[in-house]
Protein backbone atom coordinates (compact mmCIF):
# COMPACT_ATOMS: atom_id res chain seq x y z
CA MET A 1 145.73 110.05 90.89
CA ARG A 2 145.55 106.48 89.67
CA LEU A 3 143.18 105.15 87.00
CA VAL A 4 141.13 103.34 89.68
CA VAL A 5 139.19 106.58 90.13
CA TYR A 6 137.56 105.90 86.75
CA LEU A 7 136.48 102.35 87.69
CA PRO A 8 132.98 103.38 88.93
CA PHE A 9 132.19 104.79 85.49
CA LEU A 10 133.12 101.50 83.80
CA VAL A 11 131.13 99.47 86.33
CA SER A 12 128.13 101.80 85.91
CA ALA A 13 128.20 101.43 82.14
CA LEU A 14 128.26 97.63 82.38
CA LEU A 15 125.50 97.56 84.99
CA GLY A 16 123.37 99.98 82.98
CA LEU A 17 123.45 97.64 79.99
CA THR A 18 122.50 94.56 82.01
CA ILE A 19 119.90 95.96 84.44
CA PRO A 20 116.85 94.72 82.46
CA ARG A 21 118.38 91.24 82.17
CA PHE A 22 118.98 91.05 85.92
CA GLY A 23 115.42 92.23 86.52
CA ARG A 24 114.02 89.36 84.46
CA ARG A 25 116.30 86.62 85.77
CA LEU A 26 116.37 87.26 89.51
CA ALA A 27 113.54 86.52 91.92
CA PRO A 28 111.55 89.76 92.21
CA ALA A 29 112.28 90.55 95.85
CA THR A 30 115.98 89.70 95.53
CA GLY A 31 116.27 91.53 92.22
CA THR A 32 114.63 94.68 93.54
CA ARG A 33 116.84 94.87 96.62
CA LEU A 34 120.09 94.05 94.82
CA LEU A 35 119.45 96.27 91.80
CA VAL A 36 118.59 99.27 93.97
CA ALA A 37 121.58 98.63 96.24
CA SER A 38 124.08 98.12 93.40
CA GLY A 39 122.66 101.06 91.47
CA ALA A 40 122.93 103.32 94.49
CA ALA A 41 126.49 102.13 95.07
CA CYS A 42 127.41 102.96 91.47
CA ALA A 43 125.75 106.37 91.62
CA LEU A 44 127.40 107.33 94.90
CA SER A 45 130.81 106.00 93.84
CA THR A 46 130.71 107.90 90.53
CA ALA A 47 129.70 111.04 92.45
CA PHE A 48 132.64 110.50 94.78
CA ALA A 49 134.97 109.95 91.82
CA LEU A 50 133.76 113.18 90.22
CA ALA A 51 134.29 114.97 93.52
CA ALA A 52 137.84 113.58 93.76
CA LEU A 53 138.66 114.68 90.21
CA ALA A 54 137.08 118.08 90.77
CA GLY A 55 138.92 118.44 94.07
CA THR A 56 142.30 118.26 92.36
CA TYR A 57 141.27 121.25 90.23
CA VAL A 58 139.59 123.24 93.00
CA GLY A 59 142.58 122.66 95.27
CA GLN A 60 144.82 124.42 92.73
CA LEU A 61 142.84 127.66 93.01
CA PRO A 62 144.85 130.14 95.11
CA ALA A 63 141.77 131.26 97.05
CA VAL A 64 141.07 127.65 98.09
CA ALA A 65 144.70 126.73 98.74
CA ALA A 66 144.94 129.71 101.10
CA PHE A 67 142.66 127.86 103.52
CA GLY A 68 144.69 124.65 103.33
CA ASP A 69 148.20 123.57 104.15
CA TRP A 70 149.23 122.58 100.65
CA SER A 71 151.19 124.38 97.96
CA VAL A 72 149.49 125.13 94.64
CA ARG A 73 152.79 124.62 92.82
CA LEU A 74 153.39 121.24 94.45
CA LEU A 75 149.78 120.15 93.88
CA LYS A 76 150.08 120.96 90.18
CA ALA A 77 153.36 119.06 89.98
CA ASN A 78 152.00 115.99 91.82
CA ASP A 79 148.59 115.80 90.14
CA PRO A 80 148.34 113.98 86.78
CA VAL A 81 144.68 115.01 86.24
CA PRO A 82 144.42 117.57 83.39
CA PRO A 83 142.72 120.83 84.41
CA LEU A 84 140.06 120.32 81.73
CA VAL A 85 139.08 116.97 83.28
CA GLY A 86 138.82 118.56 86.72
CA GLN A 87 136.67 121.38 85.38
CA ALA A 88 134.40 118.97 83.52
CA ALA A 89 134.05 116.80 86.64
CA LEU A 90 133.12 119.83 88.73
CA GLY A 91 130.45 121.00 86.27
CA LEU A 92 129.01 117.51 85.76
CA LEU A 93 128.85 116.86 89.50
CA ALA A 94 126.94 120.11 90.06
CA VAL A 95 124.41 119.32 87.30
CA LEU A 96 123.82 115.74 88.47
CA ALA A 97 123.45 116.80 92.10
CA VAL A 98 120.76 119.31 91.10
CA LEU A 99 118.95 116.71 88.98
CA ALA A 100 119.01 114.15 91.80
CA ALA A 101 117.76 116.70 94.34
CA ALA A 102 114.98 117.84 92.01
CA THR A 103 113.90 114.25 91.39
CA ALA A 104 113.85 113.49 95.12
CA VAL A 105 111.80 116.62 95.86
CA ARG A 106 109.35 116.00 93.01
CA ARG A 107 108.79 112.38 93.99
CA GLY A 108 108.57 113.25 97.67
CA LEU A 109 105.94 115.92 97.02
CA ALA A 110 103.94 113.47 94.90
CA LEU A 111 103.99 110.91 97.71
CA ALA A 112 102.97 113.54 100.26
CA GLU A 113 100.15 114.80 98.06
CA ALA A 114 98.81 111.28 97.54
CA ALA A 115 98.99 110.61 101.28
CA ARG A 116 97.03 113.82 102.02
CA ALA A 117 94.40 112.89 99.44
CA CYS A 118 93.88 109.48 101.05
CA ARG A 119 93.93 110.82 104.61
CA GLY A 120 90.53 112.43 104.20
CA ALA A 121 88.98 109.52 102.33
CA HIS A 122 86.48 107.25 104.05
CA PRO A 123 87.76 103.67 104.05
CA GLY A 124 85.39 100.92 103.08
CA ALA A 125 87.09 98.19 105.12
CA GLY A 126 90.30 98.90 106.98
CA ASP A 127 92.81 100.21 104.47
CA LEU A 128 90.41 99.93 101.51
CA VAL A 129 88.95 103.05 99.88
CA ILE A 130 86.18 102.44 97.33
CA VAL A 131 85.60 105.22 94.82
CA ARG A 132 82.46 105.45 92.68
CA ASP A 133 83.97 105.51 89.20
CA ALA A 134 83.09 103.45 86.14
CA VAL A 135 86.73 103.45 85.00
CA PRO A 136 88.44 100.30 86.38
CA ARG A 137 91.37 101.35 88.58
CA ALA A 138 93.22 100.00 91.57
CA ARG A 139 96.07 101.80 93.30
CA ALA A 140 98.20 101.37 96.40
CA VAL A 141 98.95 104.81 97.79
CA SER A 142 101.59 105.00 100.50
CA GLY A 143 101.13 107.05 103.64
CA ARG A 144 103.30 108.26 106.49
CA ARG A 145 102.14 105.46 108.79
CA ALA A 146 99.89 103.19 106.74
CA GLY A 147 98.85 103.51 103.13
CA ARG A 148 95.51 103.03 101.49
CA ILE A 149 94.24 100.85 98.67
CA VAL A 150 92.05 102.86 96.31
CA VAL A 151 89.74 100.76 94.14
CA THR A 152 86.98 102.00 91.85
CA THR A 153 83.58 100.38 91.58
CA GLY A 154 84.40 99.75 87.93
CA MET A 155 87.34 97.56 88.91
CA LEU A 156 85.30 95.67 91.51
CA ARG A 157 82.62 94.90 88.93
CA ALA A 158 85.26 93.67 86.46
CA LEU A 159 86.60 91.01 88.85
CA THR A 160 85.13 87.98 90.54
CA ALA A 161 85.21 87.62 94.32
CA GLU A 162 88.31 85.39 94.16
CA GLU A 163 90.07 87.78 91.78
CA ARG A 164 89.36 90.66 94.18
CA ARG A 165 91.28 88.74 96.84
CA VAL A 166 94.25 88.64 94.46
CA LEU A 167 93.96 92.36 93.77
CA LEU A 168 93.85 93.31 97.46
CA ALA A 169 96.72 90.95 98.31
CA HIS A 170 98.77 92.46 95.48
CA GLU A 171 98.18 96.04 96.62
CA ARG A 172 98.80 95.20 100.29
CA ALA A 173 102.10 93.66 99.26
CA HIS A 174 103.05 96.99 97.67
CA LEU A 175 102.28 98.78 100.92
CA GLY A 176 103.73 96.18 103.28
CA ASP A 177 107.04 95.86 101.43
CA ARG A 178 107.33 99.66 100.90
CA HIS A 179 107.75 99.38 97.17
CA HIS A 180 107.33 103.12 96.71
CA LEU A 181 110.65 103.65 98.53
CA TYR A 182 112.48 101.31 96.14
CA ARG A 183 111.00 103.21 93.19
CA LEU A 184 111.96 106.53 94.73
CA ALA A 185 115.53 105.33 95.31
CA ALA A 186 115.74 104.02 91.72
CA ALA A 187 114.54 107.34 90.28
CA VAL A 188 117.02 109.39 92.32
CA THR A 189 119.83 106.95 91.48
CA ALA A 190 119.18 107.25 87.74
CA ALA A 191 119.13 111.05 88.02
CA LEU A 192 122.49 111.01 89.81
CA ASN A 193 123.97 108.55 87.31
CA PRO A 194 122.34 108.70 83.84
CA MET A 195 124.13 105.50 82.80
CA LEU A 196 121.61 103.71 85.03
CA ALA A 197 118.60 105.11 83.13
CA ALA A 198 117.06 101.61 82.86
CA LEU A 199 116.88 101.21 86.64
CA PRO A 200 113.55 102.97 87.41
CA ARG A 201 111.59 101.08 84.78
CA THR A 202 113.16 97.78 85.79
CA VAL A 203 112.38 98.37 89.47
CA GLU A 204 108.77 99.18 88.54
CA TYR A 205 108.63 95.77 86.85
CA THR A 206 110.33 93.86 89.68
CA THR A 207 108.10 95.42 92.34
CA GLU A 208 105.00 94.48 90.35
CA ARG A 209 106.35 90.94 90.02
CA TRP A 210 107.16 90.94 93.74
CA ALA A 211 103.56 91.88 94.56
CA ASP A 212 102.29 89.25 92.07
CA GLU A 213 104.25 86.55 93.86
CA ARG A 214 102.97 87.70 97.25
CA ALA A 215 99.39 87.65 95.98
CA ALA A 216 99.78 84.20 94.39
CA ALA A 217 101.19 82.83 97.64
CA HIS A 218 98.35 84.44 99.62
CA VAL A 219 95.56 82.88 97.56
CA GLY A 220 97.50 79.66 96.95
CA ASP A 221 96.75 79.59 93.22
CA ARG A 222 99.14 81.01 90.61
CA ARG A 223 96.61 80.56 87.79
CA LEU A 224 94.01 82.53 89.71
CA ALA A 225 96.55 85.32 90.21
CA ALA A 226 97.36 85.34 86.50
CA ARG A 227 93.67 85.41 85.60
CA ALA A 228 93.10 88.38 87.91
CA VAL A 229 95.94 90.31 86.26
CA ILE A 230 94.53 89.51 82.81
CA ARG A 231 91.00 90.65 83.71
CA ALA A 232 92.24 93.85 85.32
CA ALA A 233 94.49 94.63 82.36
CA LEU A 234 91.67 94.06 79.87
CA ALA A 235 89.25 96.17 81.88
CA THR A 236 91.59 99.05 82.58
CA SER A 237 91.65 101.98 80.21
CA ARG A 238 95.00 103.60 79.59
CA HIS A 239 95.32 106.54 81.93
CA ALA A 240 98.37 108.41 83.23
CA VAL A 241 99.68 107.02 86.50
CA GLY A 242 101.34 109.30 89.00
CA PRO A 243 104.68 108.31 90.56
CA ALA A 244 103.03 107.90 93.97
CA ALA A 245 100.62 105.18 92.81
CA LEU A 246 101.41 101.52 92.36
CA ALA A 247 98.84 100.09 89.97
CA PHE A 248 97.64 96.49 89.79
CA SER A 249 97.21 96.39 86.02
CA ASP A 250 100.37 98.29 84.99
CA GLY A 251 103.92 97.12 84.36
CA ALA A 252 104.70 94.60 81.58
CA VAL A 253 101.44 92.66 81.96
CA PRO A 254 102.17 89.89 79.38
CA ASP A 255 105.51 89.09 81.02
CA ARG A 256 103.93 89.07 84.48
CA ILE A 257 101.24 86.66 83.33
CA THR A 258 103.83 84.34 81.78
CA CYS A 259 105.79 84.29 85.04
CA LEU A 260 102.67 83.56 87.10
CA LEU A 261 101.71 80.67 84.84
CA ASP A 262 105.21 79.27 85.28
CA ALA A 263 106.78 77.79 88.41
CA PRO A 264 107.86 80.11 91.27
CA PRO A 265 111.16 81.93 90.64
CA ARG A 266 114.35 79.95 91.13
CA ARG A 267 117.47 81.09 92.89
CA ARG A 268 120.14 82.58 90.62
CA PRO A 269 123.39 82.48 92.62
CA PHE A 270 125.59 83.64 89.72
CA ALA A 271 123.41 86.69 89.04
CA VAL A 272 123.41 87.52 92.75
CA ALA A 273 127.19 87.12 92.86
CA ALA A 274 127.56 89.48 89.88
CA LEU A 275 125.60 92.24 91.63
CA VAL A 276 127.50 91.67 94.86
CA ALA A 277 130.70 92.05 92.81
CA VAL A 278 129.39 95.42 91.58
CA LEU A 279 128.95 96.55 95.17
CA THR A 280 132.43 95.32 96.07
CA LEU A 281 134.13 97.02 93.12
CA CYS A 282 132.41 100.31 93.94
CA LEU A 283 133.57 100.15 97.56
CA ILE A 284 137.12 99.33 96.49
CA ALA A 285 137.17 102.19 93.98
CA VAL A 286 135.85 104.69 96.53
CA ASN A 287 138.39 103.62 99.13
CA GLU A 288 141.29 103.79 96.67
CA ALA A 289 140.20 107.18 95.33
CA ARG A 290 139.91 108.51 98.87
CA ALA A 291 143.39 107.25 99.75
CA ASP A 292 144.85 108.71 96.54
CA THR A 293 143.27 112.10 97.18
CA GLU A 294 144.52 112.25 100.76
CA SER A 295 148.00 111.19 99.68
CA LEU A 296 148.04 113.77 96.89
CA PHE A 297 147.29 116.67 99.20
CA GLU A 298 149.66 115.37 101.90
CA ARG A 299 152.50 115.18 99.39
CA SER A 300 151.70 118.74 98.32
CA GLU A 301 152.30 120.20 101.78
CA PRO A 302 155.52 122.28 101.99
CA ALA A 303 156.32 120.73 105.38
CA THR A 304 156.30 117.30 103.77
CA LEU A 305 158.75 118.45 101.10
CA THR A 306 161.04 119.89 103.79
CA SER A 307 161.01 116.70 105.83
CA HIS A 308 161.93 114.65 102.75
CA ALA A 309 164.79 117.04 102.00
């Protein structure tokens, strides 16, 4: 098997180091979509590479080879992958698959629980649920069909009427653009590929920035949007936030305010091209590894050896 099978690991390491930088430089919507897509491509391609490496070891087991058409002796002779590497790949793949599945289940249950909690709530106006609580809080909680915006009376008292418009526009942007799905995908991706550990936090930031930009465009005043974020952040006490909630006053508040007080995000074609290159390299590596694996087992078939003779 050629060295191209290890390319996804190199690409993942480089992407993992630069994820926060991409998150700050790219427009929020573009950055969220491209980072999640490129991260998922890296995670899936590394999983495929581990499976290909593990397959060369598993295929040499007599019990497995008995179900195939290849020769264990020929497979050992044709395969340059050391048995220790194949064993390590098999064990690592199993551990990462369990971690990714556990993360998906945990996040999915949290989303379902939040949806059930909001289903029985009495909305104040459409998708708005007002809770009598002195602690200032505002959350967008996704649902199966339509989510709810949960706001406490403490938060409503902390904001002016115009700032409330910003808050509601921000939370509706979270629901309308399905930001909870991007965060779920980022969490599962990082569990499947630990080299992308910075992805979930970065996607939390980019989705908050995405909602900020939507809210600023809705009210037509970037300074008003920044002021609303400042007031909410100052009023909000630090409380634990569940993975199913997307909070208005969380997520790198100083940086968000700076961006809102600046001009709207510019296009970054070189950064976009770099992430597209990540996707392309992952696809190439997966295709080459697949072709190598198929060729390896085909060359290990006794009938193939006889035909060559």
